[in-house]
Amino acid sequence: MGIYTAPNVLAYKVNGSSLDTNLNMNSGTYNVTVKQWDNCGWATGTKVAFTVNGSSSKKAYVFSDLQSKTGWDSYALLPPMYPICSKCTSAGPQLKWSWSPNKTSPSMDGITTKSVYGGGTVQWSDAFFNVHLMGNMSSQGMKDSGHTIIPNLHDFTYDVYFWVGNVSVSQAMEFDINQFVGGKKYIWGHECRIAGGHEWDTWNNQAKHWVPSGIPCNPISNAWNHLSLNVQRTSAGKLLFHTITLNGKTATLDRYDSPTNTSWYGVTINYQIDGNKNITPYTVYIDKLTFTAK
């Protein structure tokens, strides 16, 4: 596969059926072609038009198709306090769960991940998935040993597509952005309560409880739902829950919160699927999971 930034200008080439890269480009409007070819001479391509603005010098760190990357850990969280259950395994019995990448159906690009809440013996249990992106425990090759990157990151976007066969059986779905820097822990937790009331909640870091937002959350069954979360760490060291966009509808929260103390250093994201009172099994497919930090 390759990326042509202009006619006959091959700016990037990779062997295989997928690519993931960043290109440095000057300001301007581009008509880029992403082309795939085989050993028999057949080729197909897709054109993408976009504009590069030179007004901002702030570097963005983009992690694309994270659902297909290695480095994800998974755990069971059990009531009433919901710590990580160190004795639980994905085979149960308390909770059964699984994480299976590179599925082709349903899929937007052939590298969907299938996440399963498989039921079990404990009511209201949750399946929790986590990946370390930056810092000492980075699974993506960005340890930032010199501490020159993470302290300068203030704006974060979590963008993902998800598919649920029957949304109504999910108690809730959770999507979190976490930054650990300067001795402080910033948890931008977002929970879409479904069976729990069809409303978005955000996490109160100091009080350690969910705060209802008044914003409805109504994902669609048997369809791709597109979710985008934008948050910020302010110059005053506060958390800002800025916007939630679900299926093209943007709601502005602009809720501020205060961090807690930590000795960790890094950036992580979480994804979680919660069980209902009947411990009903269900499956969620996720695709095109992109995280941007700048």
C-alpha atoms as a PDB file:
ATOM      1  CA  MET A   1       0.000   0.000   0.000  1.00  0.00           C
ATOM      2  CA  GLY A   2       1.098   3.580  -0.503  1.00  0.00           C
ATOM      3  CA  ILE A   3       0.163   7.228  -0.061  1.00  0.00           C
ATOM      4  CA  TYR A   4       0.458   9.600  -3.034  1.00  0.00           C
ATOM      5  CA  THR A   5       0.424  13.239  -1.894  1.00  0.00           C
ATOM      6  CA  ALA A   6       0.386  14.413  -5.540  1.00  0.00           C
ATOM      7  CA  PRO A   7       0.272  12.716  -8.967  1.00  0.00           C
ATOM      8  CA  ASN A   8       3.228  10.298  -9.202  1.00  0.00           C
ATOM      9  CA  VAL A   9       4.559  11.452  -5.805  1.00  0.00           C
ATOM     10  CA  LEU A  10       4.724   8.366  -3.561  1.00  0.00           C
ATOM     11  CA  ALA A  11       5.267   9.802  -0.073  1.00  0.00           C
ATOM     12  CA  TYR A  12       4.882   6.568   1.906  1.00  0.00           C
ATOM     13  CA  LYS A  13       4.883   2.854   1.089  1.00  0.00           C
ATOM     14  CA  VAL A  14       4.359  -0.240   3.224  1.00  0.00           C
ATOM     15  CA  ASN A  15       4.030  -3.957   2.549  1.00  0.00           C
ATOM     16  CA  GLY A  16       0.722  -5.454   3.648  1.00  0.00           C
ATOM     17  CA  SER A  17      -2.968  -4.586   3.598  1.00  0.00           C
ATOM     18  CA  SER A  18      -3.011  -1.782   6.183  1.00  0.00           C
ATOM     19  CA  LEU A  19      -0.995   1.318   7.016  1.00  0.00           C
ATOM     20  CA  ASP A  20      -0.641   3.625   9.995  1.00  0.00           C
ATOM     21  CA  THR A  21       1.692   6.607   9.764  1.00  0.00           C
ATOM     22  CA  ASN A  22       2.097  10.357  10.148  1.00  0.00           C
ATOM     23  CA  LEU A  23       3.336  12.562   7.303  1.00  0.00           C
ATOM     24  CA  ASN A  24       4.855  16.010   7.661  1.00  0.00           C
ATOM     25  CA  MET A  25       3.216  18.289   5.100  1.00  0.00           C
ATOM     26  CA  ASN A  26       3.335  21.988   4.385  1.00  0.00           C
ATOM     27  CA  SER A  27       0.267  24.191   4.697  1.00  0.00           C
ATOM     28  CA  GLY A  28      -2.171  23.927   1.810  1.00  0.00           C
ATOM     29  CA  THR A  29      -4.945  21.884   0.229  1.00  0.00           C
ATOM     30  CA  TYR A  30      -4.179  18.321  -0.830  1.00  0.00           C
ATOM     31  CA  ASN A  31      -5.886  15.627  -2.883  1.00  0.00           C
ATOM     32  CA  VAL A  32      -4.186  12.529  -1.531  1.00  0.00           C
ATOM     33  CA  THR A  33      -4.604   9.022  -2.956  1.00  0.00           C
ATOM     34  CA  VAL A  34      -4.252   5.923  -0.788  1.00  0.00           C
ATOM     35  CA  LYS A  35      -3.537   3.053  -3.178  1.00  0.00           C
ATOM     36  CA  GLN A  36      -3.327  -0.712  -2.740  1.00  0.00           C
ATOM     37  CA  TRP A  37      -1.862  -3.092  -5.325  1.00  0.00           C
ATOM     38  CA  ASP A  38      -1.086  -6.791  -5.671  1.00  0.00           C
ATOM     39  CA  ASN A  39       1.655  -8.861  -7.302  1.00  0.00           C
ATOM     40  CA  CYS A  40      -0.399  -9.324 -10.476  1.00  0.00           C
ATOM     41  CA  GLY A  41      -0.483  -5.637 -11.309  1.00  0.00           C
ATOM     42  CA  TRP A  42      -4.026  -4.900 -10.104  1.00  0.00           C
ATOM     43  CA  ALA A  43      -4.510  -1.737  -8.076  1.00  0.00           C
ATOM     44  CA  THR A  44      -7.274   0.226  -6.400  1.00  0.00           C
ATOM     45  CA  GLY A  45      -7.228   3.572  -4.658  1.00  0.00           C
ATOM     46  CA  THR A  46      -9.217   6.014  -2.568  1.00  0.00           C
ATOM     47  CA  LYS A  47      -8.894   9.781  -2.843  1.00  0.00           C
ATOM     48  CA  VAL A  48      -8.955  11.974   0.257  1.00  0.00           C
ATOM     49  CA  ALA A  49      -9.096  15.786   0.125  1.00  0.00           C
ATOM     50  CA  PHE A  50      -8.008  17.859   3.111  1.00  0.00           C
ATOM     51  CA  THR A  51      -6.370  21.110   4.150  1.00  0.00           C
ATOM     52  CA  VAL A  52      -3.253  21.461   6.293  1.00  0.00           C
ATOM     53  CA  ASN A  53      -3.250  24.620   8.395  1.00  0.00           C
ATOM     54  CA  GLY A  54      -0.008  26.126   9.561  1.00  0.00           C
ATOM     55  CA  SER A  55      -1.462  28.350  12.263  1.00  0.00           C
ATOM     56  CA  SER A  56      -0.699  25.991  15.145  1.00  0.00           C
ATOM     57  CA  SER A  57       2.782  24.826  16.070  1.00  0.00           C
ATOM     58  CA  LYS A  58       1.559  22.414  18.733  1.00  0.00           C
ATOM     59  CA  LYS A  59       2.422  18.819  17.897  1.00  0.00           C
ATOM     60  CA  ALA A  60      -0.336  16.221  17.943  1.00  0.00           C
ATOM     61  CA  TYR A  61       0.340  12.608  18.902  1.00  0.00           C
ATOM     62  CA  VAL A  62      -2.150  10.378  17.105  1.00  0.00           C
ATOM     63  CA  PHE A  63      -2.706   6.703  17.919  1.00  0.00           C
ATOM     64  CA  SER A  64      -4.862   5.159  15.177  1.00  0.00           C
ATOM     65  CA  ASP A  65      -6.767   1.849  15.065  1.00  0.00           C
ATOM     66  CA  LEU A  66      -5.849   1.171  18.673  1.00  0.00           C
ATOM     67  CA  GLN A  67      -8.421  -1.618  18.884  1.00  0.00           C
ATOM     68  CA  SER A  68      -6.139  -3.702  16.633  1.00  0.00           C
ATOM     69  CA  LYS A  69      -2.897  -2.927  18.486  1.00  0.00           C
ATOM     70  CA  THR A  70      -1.205  -5.095  21.093  1.00  0.00           C
ATOM     71  CA  GLY A  71      -0.872  -3.997  24.699  1.00  0.00           C
ATOM     72  CA  TRP A  72      -4.456  -4.193  25.921  1.00  0.00           C
ATOM     73  CA  ASP A  73      -5.031  -5.613  29.408  1.00  0.00           C
ATOM     74  CA  SER A  74      -8.408  -6.815  30.628  1.00  0.00           C
ATOM     75  CA  TYR A  75      -9.904  -7.452  34.046  1.00  0.00           C
ATOM     76  CA  ALA A  76     -13.126  -8.097  35.909  1.00  0.00           C
ATOM     77  CA  LEU A  77     -14.436  -5.401  38.251  1.00  0.00           C
ATOM     78  CA  LEU A  78     -16.781  -6.670  40.953  1.00  0.00           C
ATOM     79  CA  PRO A  79     -19.220  -4.871  43.275  1.00  0.00           C
ATOM     80  CA  PRO A  80     -19.588  -3.250  45.665  1.00  0.00           C
ATOM     81  CA  MET A  81     -16.290  -1.297  45.445  1.00  0.00           C
ATOM     82  CA  TYR A  82     -15.285  -2.379  41.893  1.00  0.00           C
ATOM     83  CA  PRO A  83     -11.537  -2.916  42.374  1.00  0.00           C
ATOM     84  CA  ILE A  84      -9.656  -5.039  39.849  1.00  0.00           C
ATOM     85  CA  CYS A  85     -10.371  -8.674  40.726  1.00  0.00           C
ATOM     86  CA  SER A  86      -6.864 -10.177  40.841  1.00  0.00           C
ATOM     87  CA  LYS A  87      -8.202 -13.714  41.279  1.00  0.00           C
ATOM     88  CA  CYS A  88     -10.663 -13.555  38.385  1.00  0.00           C
ATOM     89  CA  THR A  89      -9.915 -15.057  34.985  1.00  0.00           C
ATOM     90  CA  SER A  90     -11.687 -14.467  31.696  1.00  0.00           C
ATOM     91  CA  ALA A  91     -13.098 -18.009  31.921  1.00  0.00           C
ATOM     92  CA  GLY A  92     -15.108 -17.130  35.027  1.00  0.00           C
ATOM     93  CA  PRO A  93     -16.962 -18.106  37.084  1.00  0.00           C
ATOM     94  CA  GLN A  94     -17.482 -14.633  38.565  1.00  0.00           C
ATOM     95  CA  LEU A  95     -17.432 -13.018  35.106  1.00  0.00           C
ATOM     96  CA  LYS A  96     -16.575 -14.309  31.659  1.00  0.00           C
ATOM     97  CA  TRP A  97     -15.157 -11.859  29.144  1.00  0.00           C
ATOM     98  CA  SER A  98     -13.029 -11.751  26.003  1.00  0.00           C
ATOM     99  CA  TRP A  99     -11.123  -9.391  23.694  1.00  0.00           C
ATOM    100  CA  SER A 100     -10.646 -10.678  20.128  1.00  0.00           C
ATOM    101  CA  PRO A 101      -9.000  -8.329  17.587  1.00  0.00           C
ATOM    102  CA  ASN A 102      -8.916  -8.414  13.781  1.00  0.00           C
ATOM    103  CA  LYS A 103     -12.471  -9.530  13.119  1.00  0.00           C
ATOM    104  CA  THR A 104     -13.897  -8.869   9.669  1.00  0.00           C
ATOM    105  CA  SER A 105     -17.638  -8.724  10.361  1.00  0.00           C
ATOM    106  CA  PRO A 106     -19.224  -6.458  11.321  1.00  0.00           C
ATOM    107  CA  SER A 107     -16.348  -4.199  10.391  1.00  0.00           C
ATOM    108  CA  MET A 108     -15.569  -0.845   8.861  1.00  0.00           C
ATOM    109  CA  ASP A 109     -12.043  -1.708   7.752  1.00  0.00           C
ATOM    110  CA  GLY A 110     -11.444  -5.420   8.408  1.00  0.00           C
ATOM    111  CA  ILE A 111      -9.729  -4.951  11.771  1.00  0.00           C
ATOM    112  CA  THR A 112     -12.625  -4.745  14.203  1.00  0.00           C
ATOM    113  CA  THR A 113     -12.187  -5.988  17.763  1.00  0.00           C
ATOM    114  CA  LYS A 114     -14.882  -8.134  19.338  1.00  0.00           C
ATOM    115  CA  SER A 115     -15.373  -7.510  23.063  1.00  0.00           C
ATOM    116  CA  VAL A 116     -17.662  -9.840  24.976  1.00  0.00           C
ATOM    117  CA  TYR A 117     -19.399  -9.533  28.316  1.00  0.00           C
ATOM    118  CA  GLY A 118     -20.033 -13.229  28.836  1.00  0.00           C
ATOM    119  CA  GLY A 119     -22.121 -13.297  31.994  1.00  0.00           C
ATOM    120  CA  GLY A 120     -21.178 -15.124  35.177  1.00  0.00           C
ATOM    121  CA  THR A 121     -22.171 -15.546  38.787  1.00  0.00           C
ATOM    122  CA  VAL A 122     -21.776 -11.972  40.100  1.00  0.00           C
ATOM    123  CA  GLN A 123     -24.560  -9.474  39.458  1.00  0.00           C
ATOM    124  CA  TRP A 124     -23.567  -5.979  38.232  1.00  0.00           C
ATOM    125  CA  SER A 125     -20.023  -7.064  37.312  1.00  0.00           C
ATOM    126  CA  ASP A 126     -18.012  -5.152  34.682  1.00  0.00           C
ATOM    127  CA  ALA A 127     -15.460  -6.089  31.998  1.00  0.00           C
ATOM    128  CA  PHE A 128     -12.622  -3.546  31.951  1.00  0.00           C
ATOM    129  CA  PHE A 129     -10.063  -3.021  29.154  1.00  0.00           C
ATOM    130  CA  ASN A 130      -7.025  -0.729  29.406  1.00  0.00           C
ATOM    131  CA  VAL A 131      -4.013   0.228  27.260  1.00  0.00           C
ATOM    132  CA  HIS A 132      -0.915   2.236  28.270  1.00  0.00           C
ATOM    133  CA  LEU A 133      -0.067   4.670  25.471  1.00  0.00           C
ATOM    134  CA  MET A 134       2.661   6.893  26.928  1.00  0.00           C
ATOM    135  CA  GLY A 135       5.007   6.654  29.890  1.00  0.00           C
ATOM    136  CA  ASN A 136       7.134   3.953  31.495  1.00  0.00           C
ATOM    137  CA  MET A 137       4.554   1.237  30.805  1.00  0.00           C
ATOM    138  CA  SER A 138       3.842   2.305  27.210  1.00  0.00           C
ATOM    139  CA  SER A 139       2.855  -0.542  24.904  1.00  0.00           C
ATOM    140  CA  GLN A 140       3.154   1.768  21.889  1.00  0.00           C
ATOM    141  CA  GLY A 141       6.876   2.583  22.110  1.00  0.00           C
ATOM    142  CA  MET A 142       6.493   6.038  23.667  1.00  0.00           C
ATOM    143  CA  LYS A 143       8.030   5.826  27.151  1.00  0.00           C
ATOM    144  CA  ASP A 144       8.958   9.533  27.330  1.00  0.00           C
ATOM    145  CA  SER A 145      11.873   8.737  29.646  1.00  0.00           C
ATOM    146  CA  GLY A 146      13.020  12.355  29.601  1.00  0.00           C
ATOM    147  CA  HIS A 147       9.586  13.628  30.652  1.00  0.00           C
ATOM    148  CA  THR A 148       9.526  16.072  27.740  1.00  0.00           C
ATOM    149  CA  ILE A 149       6.226  15.088  26.081  1.00  0.00           C
ATOM    150  CA  ILE A 150       3.500  14.247  28.592  1.00  0.00           C
ATOM    151  CA  PRO A 151       3.788  17.454  30.698  1.00  0.00           C
ATOM    152  CA  ASN A 152       3.038  19.478  27.549  1.00  0.00           C
ATOM    153  CA  LEU A 153      -0.126  17.568  26.621  1.00  0.00           C
ATOM    154  CA  HIS A 154      -3.330  19.428  27.467  1.00  0.00           C
ATOM    155  CA  ASP A 155      -5.932  18.503  24.828  1.00  0.00           C
ATOM    156  CA  PHE A 156      -7.223  14.954  24.289  1.00  0.00           C
ATOM    157  CA  THR A 157      -9.730  13.353  21.917  1.00  0.00           C
ATOM    158  CA  TYR A 158     -11.031   9.769  22.169  1.00  0.00           C
ATOM    159  CA  ASP A 159     -12.760   8.802  18.904  1.00  0.00           C
ATOM    160  CA  VAL A 160     -14.308   5.365  18.343  1.00  0.00           C
ATOM    161  CA  TYR A 161     -16.994   3.464  16.452  1.00  0.00           C
ATOM    162  CA  PHE A 162     -18.926   0.727  18.275  1.00  0.00           C
ATOM    163  CA  TRP A 163     -21.608  -1.798  17.297  1.00  0.00           C
ATOM    164  CA  VAL A 164     -23.966  -3.554  19.739  1.00  0.00           C
ATOM    165  CA  GLY A 165     -26.508  -6.133  18.628  1.00  0.00           C
ATOM    166  CA  ASN A 166     -29.017  -5.317  21.372  1.00  0.00           C
ATOM    167  CA  VAL A 167     -28.064  -2.133  23.182  1.00  0.00           C
ATOM    168  CA  SER A 168     -30.821  -2.490  25.794  1.00  0.00           C
ATOM    169  CA  VAL A 169     -29.085  -5.365  27.630  1.00  0.00           C
ATOM    170  CA  SER A 170     -26.044  -3.227  28.432  1.00  0.00           C
ATOM    171  CA  GLN A 171     -26.183  -1.570  31.828  1.00  0.00           C
ATOM    172  CA  ALA A 172     -23.595   0.972  30.709  1.00  0.00           C
ATOM    173  CA  MET A 173     -20.566   1.539  28.500  1.00  0.00           C
ATOM    174  CA  GLU A 174     -17.575   3.514  29.739  1.00  0.00           C
ATOM    175  CA  PHE A 175     -14.817   5.390  27.889  1.00  0.00           C
ATOM    176  CA  ASP A 176     -12.012   6.995  29.913  1.00  0.00           C
ATOM    177  CA  ILE A 177      -8.983   9.202  29.249  1.00  0.00           C
ATOM    178  CA  ASN A 178      -6.286   9.199  31.942  1.00  0.00           C
ATOM    179  CA  GLN A 179      -3.210  11.381  32.407  1.00  0.00           C
ATOM    180  CA  PHE A 180      -0.691  10.982  35.232  1.00  0.00           C
ATOM    181  CA  VAL A 181       1.724  13.901  35.400  1.00  0.00           C
ATOM    182  CA  GLY A 182       3.339  16.228  37.945  1.00  0.00           C
ATOM    183  CA  GLY A 183       2.218  14.055  40.847  1.00  0.00           C
ATOM    184  CA  LYS A 184      -1.430  14.418  39.805  1.00  0.00           C
ATOM    185  CA  LYS A 185      -3.949  11.944  38.389  1.00  0.00           C
ATOM    186  CA  TYR A 186      -6.487  13.240  35.866  1.00  0.00           C
ATOM    187  CA  ILE A 187      -9.327  10.803  35.109  1.00  0.00           C
ATOM    188  CA  TRP A 188     -11.768  11.974  32.449  1.00  0.00           C
ATOM    189  CA  GLY A 189     -14.312   9.188  32.921  1.00  0.00           C
ATOM    190  CA  HIS A 190     -17.386   9.081  30.670  1.00  0.00           C
ATOM    191  CA  GLU A 191     -20.215   6.611  31.223  1.00  0.00           C
ATOM    192  CA  CYS A 192     -23.160   6.091  28.899  1.00  0.00           C
ATOM    193  CA  ARG A 193     -25.885   4.670  31.115  1.00  0.00           C
ATOM    194  CA  ILE A 194     -28.171   2.576  28.932  1.00  0.00           C
ATOM    195  CA  ALA A 195     -30.283   0.194  31.032  1.00  0.00           C
ATOM    196  CA  GLY A 196     -29.192   2.516  33.828  1.00  0.00           C
ATOM    197  CA  GLY A 197     -31.135   5.459  32.405  1.00  0.00           C
ATOM    198  CA  HIS A 198     -29.905   6.590  28.942  1.00  0.00           C
ATOM    199  CA  GLU A 199     -27.782   9.468  30.208  1.00  0.00           C
ATOM    200  CA  TRP A 200     -24.125  10.494  30.145  1.00  0.00           C
ATOM    201  CA  ASP A 201     -22.282  10.687  33.455  1.00  0.00           C
ATOM    202  CA  THR A 202     -18.786  12.053  34.085  1.00  0.00           C
ATOM    203  CA  TRP A 203     -16.394  11.063  36.865  1.00  0.00           C
ATOM    204  CA  ASN A 204     -15.844  13.185  39.972  1.00  0.00           C
ATOM    205  CA  ASN A 205     -12.168  12.574  40.740  1.00  0.00           C
ATOM    206  CA  GLN A 206     -12.151  13.876  44.314  1.00  0.00           C
ATOM    207  CA  ALA A 207     -15.429  12.347  45.508  1.00  0.00           C
ATOM    208  CA  LYS A 208     -15.044   9.194  43.378  1.00  0.00           C
ATOM    209  CA  HIS A 209     -18.579   9.011  42.070  1.00  0.00           C
ATOM    210  CA  TRP A 210     -20.470   9.640  38.825  1.00  0.00           C
ATOM    211  CA  VAL A 211     -22.036  13.024  38.096  1.00  0.00           C
ATOM    212  CA  PRO A 212     -25.180  13.008  35.888  1.00  0.00           C
ATOM    213  CA  SER A 213     -24.857  15.425  32.981  1.00  0.00           C
ATOM    214  CA  GLY A 214     -28.455  15.673  31.805  1.00  0.00           C
ATOM    215  CA  ILE A 215     -27.217  14.756  28.317  1.00  0.00           C
ATOM    216  CA  PRO A 216     -29.072  11.800  26.767  1.00  0.00           C
ATOM    217  CA  CYS A 217     -27.162   8.754  25.570  1.00  0.00           C
ATOM    218  CA  ASN A 218     -29.082   6.607  23.105  1.00  0.00           C
ATOM    219  CA  PRO A 219     -26.804   4.419  20.987  1.00  0.00           C
ATOM    220  CA  ILE A 220     -28.434   2.433  18.193  1.00  0.00           C
ATOM    221  CA  SER A 221     -28.701  -1.359  18.040  1.00  0.00           C
ATOM    222  CA  ASN A 222     -27.307  -3.259  15.039  1.00  0.00           C
ATOM    223  CA  ALA A 223     -25.532  -0.202  13.640  1.00  0.00           C
ATOM    224  CA  TRP A 224     -22.225   1.588  13.898  1.00  0.00           C
ATOM    225  CA  ASN A 225     -22.313   4.316  16.539  1.00  0.00           C
ATOM    226  CA  HIS A 226     -19.668   7.048  16.296  1.00  0.00           C
ATOM    227  CA  LEU A 227     -18.476   8.549  19.575  1.00  0.00           C
ATOM    228  CA  SER A 228     -15.992  11.389  20.056  1.00  0.00           C
ATOM    229  CA  LEU A 229     -14.957  12.773  23.457  1.00  0.00           C
ATOM    230  CA  ASN A 230     -12.915  15.944  23.904  1.00  0.00           C
ATOM    231  CA  VAL A 231     -11.334  16.914  27.218  1.00  0.00           C
ATOM    232  CA  GLN A 232      -8.600  19.246  28.430  1.00  0.00           C
ATOM    233  CA  ARG A 233      -6.125  19.722  31.263  1.00  0.00           C
ATOM    234  CA  THR A 234      -6.283  23.440  31.868  1.00  0.00           C
ATOM    235  CA  SER A 235      -3.335  25.743  32.501  1.00  0.00           C
ATOM    236  CA  ALA A 236      -4.598  25.969  36.091  1.00  0.00           C
ATOM    237  CA  GLY A 237      -4.293  22.195  36.499  1.00  0.00           C
ATOM    238  CA  LYS A 238      -8.019  21.424  36.361  1.00  0.00           C
ATOM    239  CA  LEU A 239      -9.859  18.767  34.376  1.00  0.00           C
ATOM    240  CA  LEU A 240     -12.254  20.099  31.759  1.00  0.00           C
ATOM    241  CA  PHE A 241     -14.904  17.758  30.364  1.00  0.00           C
ATOM    242  CA  HIS A 242     -15.554  19.673  27.148  1.00  0.00           C
ATOM    243  CA  THR A 243     -17.768  17.896  24.583  1.00  0.00           C
ATOM    244  CA  ILE A 244     -19.439  14.574  23.807  1.00  0.00           C
ATOM    245  CA  THR A 245     -20.411  13.828  20.207  1.00  0.00           C
ATOM    246  CA  LEU A 246     -22.534  10.741  19.534  1.00  0.00           C
ATOM    247  CA  ASN A 247     -23.711   9.976  16.008  1.00  0.00           C
ATOM    248  CA  GLY A 248     -23.155  13.532  14.837  1.00  0.00           C
ATOM    249  CA  LYS A 249     -24.865  15.303  17.751  1.00  0.00           C
ATOM    250  CA  THR A 250     -22.489  17.352  19.914  1.00  0.00           C
ATOM    251  CA  ALA A 251     -23.277  18.251  23.513  1.00  0.00           C
ATOM    252  CA  THR A 252     -21.111  20.712  25.427  1.00  0.00           C
ATOM    253  CA  LEU A 253     -20.520  19.911  29.100  1.00  0.00           C
ATOM    254  CA  ASP A 254     -17.723  22.304  30.117  1.00  0.00           C
ATOM    255  CA  ARG A 255     -17.605  20.761  33.591  1.00  0.00           C
ATOM    256  CA  TYR A 256     -14.454  21.364  35.632  1.00  0.00           C
ATOM    257  CA  ASP A 257     -13.005  18.950  38.164  1.00  0.00           C
ATOM    258  CA  SER A 258      -9.900  18.637  40.355  1.00  0.00           C
ATOM    259  CA  PRO A 259      -7.236  15.901  40.104  1.00  0.00           C
ATOM    260  CA  THR A 260      -5.986  13.599  42.860  1.00  0.00           C
ATOM    261  CA  ASN A 261      -2.454  12.638  43.876  1.00  0.00           C
ATOM    262  CA  THR A 262      -0.375   9.894  42.262  1.00  0.00           C
ATOM    263  CA  SER A 263       3.192   8.736  41.697  1.00  0.00           C
ATOM    264  CA  TRP A 264       2.414   7.377  38.224  1.00  0.00           C
ATOM    265  CA  TYR A 265       3.579   8.961  34.990  1.00  0.00           C
ATOM    266  CA  GLY A 266       1.876   8.342  31.679  1.00  0.00           C
ATOM    267  CA  VAL A 267      -1.234   8.450  29.511  1.00  0.00           C
ATOM    268  CA  THR A 268      -3.737   5.597  29.251  1.00  0.00           C
ATOM    269  CA  ILE A 269      -7.259   5.013  27.972  1.00  0.00           C
ATOM    270  CA  ASN A 270      -9.944   2.654  29.212  1.00  0.00           C
ATOM    271  CA  TYR A 271     -12.973   0.979  27.696  1.00  0.00           C
ATOM    272  CA  GLN A 272     -15.526  -0.861  29.824  1.00  0.00           C
ATOM    273  CA  ILE A 273     -18.785  -2.766  29.370  1.00  0.00           C
ATOM    274  CA  ASP A 274     -21.091  -3.238  32.354  1.00  0.00           C
ATOM    275  CA  GLY A 275     -23.504  -6.029  33.150  1.00  0.00           C
ATOM    276  CA  ASN A 276     -27.167  -5.622  34.073  1.00  0.00           C
ATOM    277  CA  LYS A 277     -29.022  -7.132  37.029  1.00  0.00           C
ATOM    278  CA  ASN A 278     -29.596 -10.369  35.088  1.00  0.00           C
ATOM    279  CA  ILE A 279     -25.896 -10.677  34.115  1.00  0.00           C
ATOM    280  CA  THR A 280     -27.062 -10.902  30.485  1.00  0.00           C
ATOM    281  CA  PRO A 281     -24.226 -11.667  28.025  1.00  0.00           C
ATOM    282  CA  TYR A 282     -23.692  -9.271  25.127  1.00  0.00           C
ATOM    283  CA  THR A 283     -21.099  -8.374  22.506  1.00  0.00           C
ATOM    284  CA  VAL A 284     -19.703  -5.008  21.451  1.00  0.00           C
ATOM    285  CA  TYR A 285     -17.573  -4.566  18.316  1.00  0.00           C
ATOM    286  CA  ILE A 286     -15.239  -1.574  18.262  1.00  0.00           C
ATOM    287  CA  ASP A 287     -13.443  -0.106  15.264  1.00  0.00           C
ATOM    288  CA  LYS A 288     -11.383   2.905  14.183  1.00  0.00           C
ATOM    289  CA  LEU A 289     -10.385   3.715  17.754  1.00  0.00           C
ATOM    290  CA  THR A 290      -8.212   6.830  17.498  1.00  0.00           C
ATOM    291  CA  PHE A 291      -6.710   8.763  20.386  1.00  0.00           C
ATOM    292  CA  THR A 292      -5.179  12.194  19.863  1.00  0.00           C
ATOM    293  CA  ALA A 293      -3.113  14.089  22.428  1.00  0.00           C
ATOM    294  CA  LYS A 294      -1.647  17.543  21.960  1.00  0.00           C
END
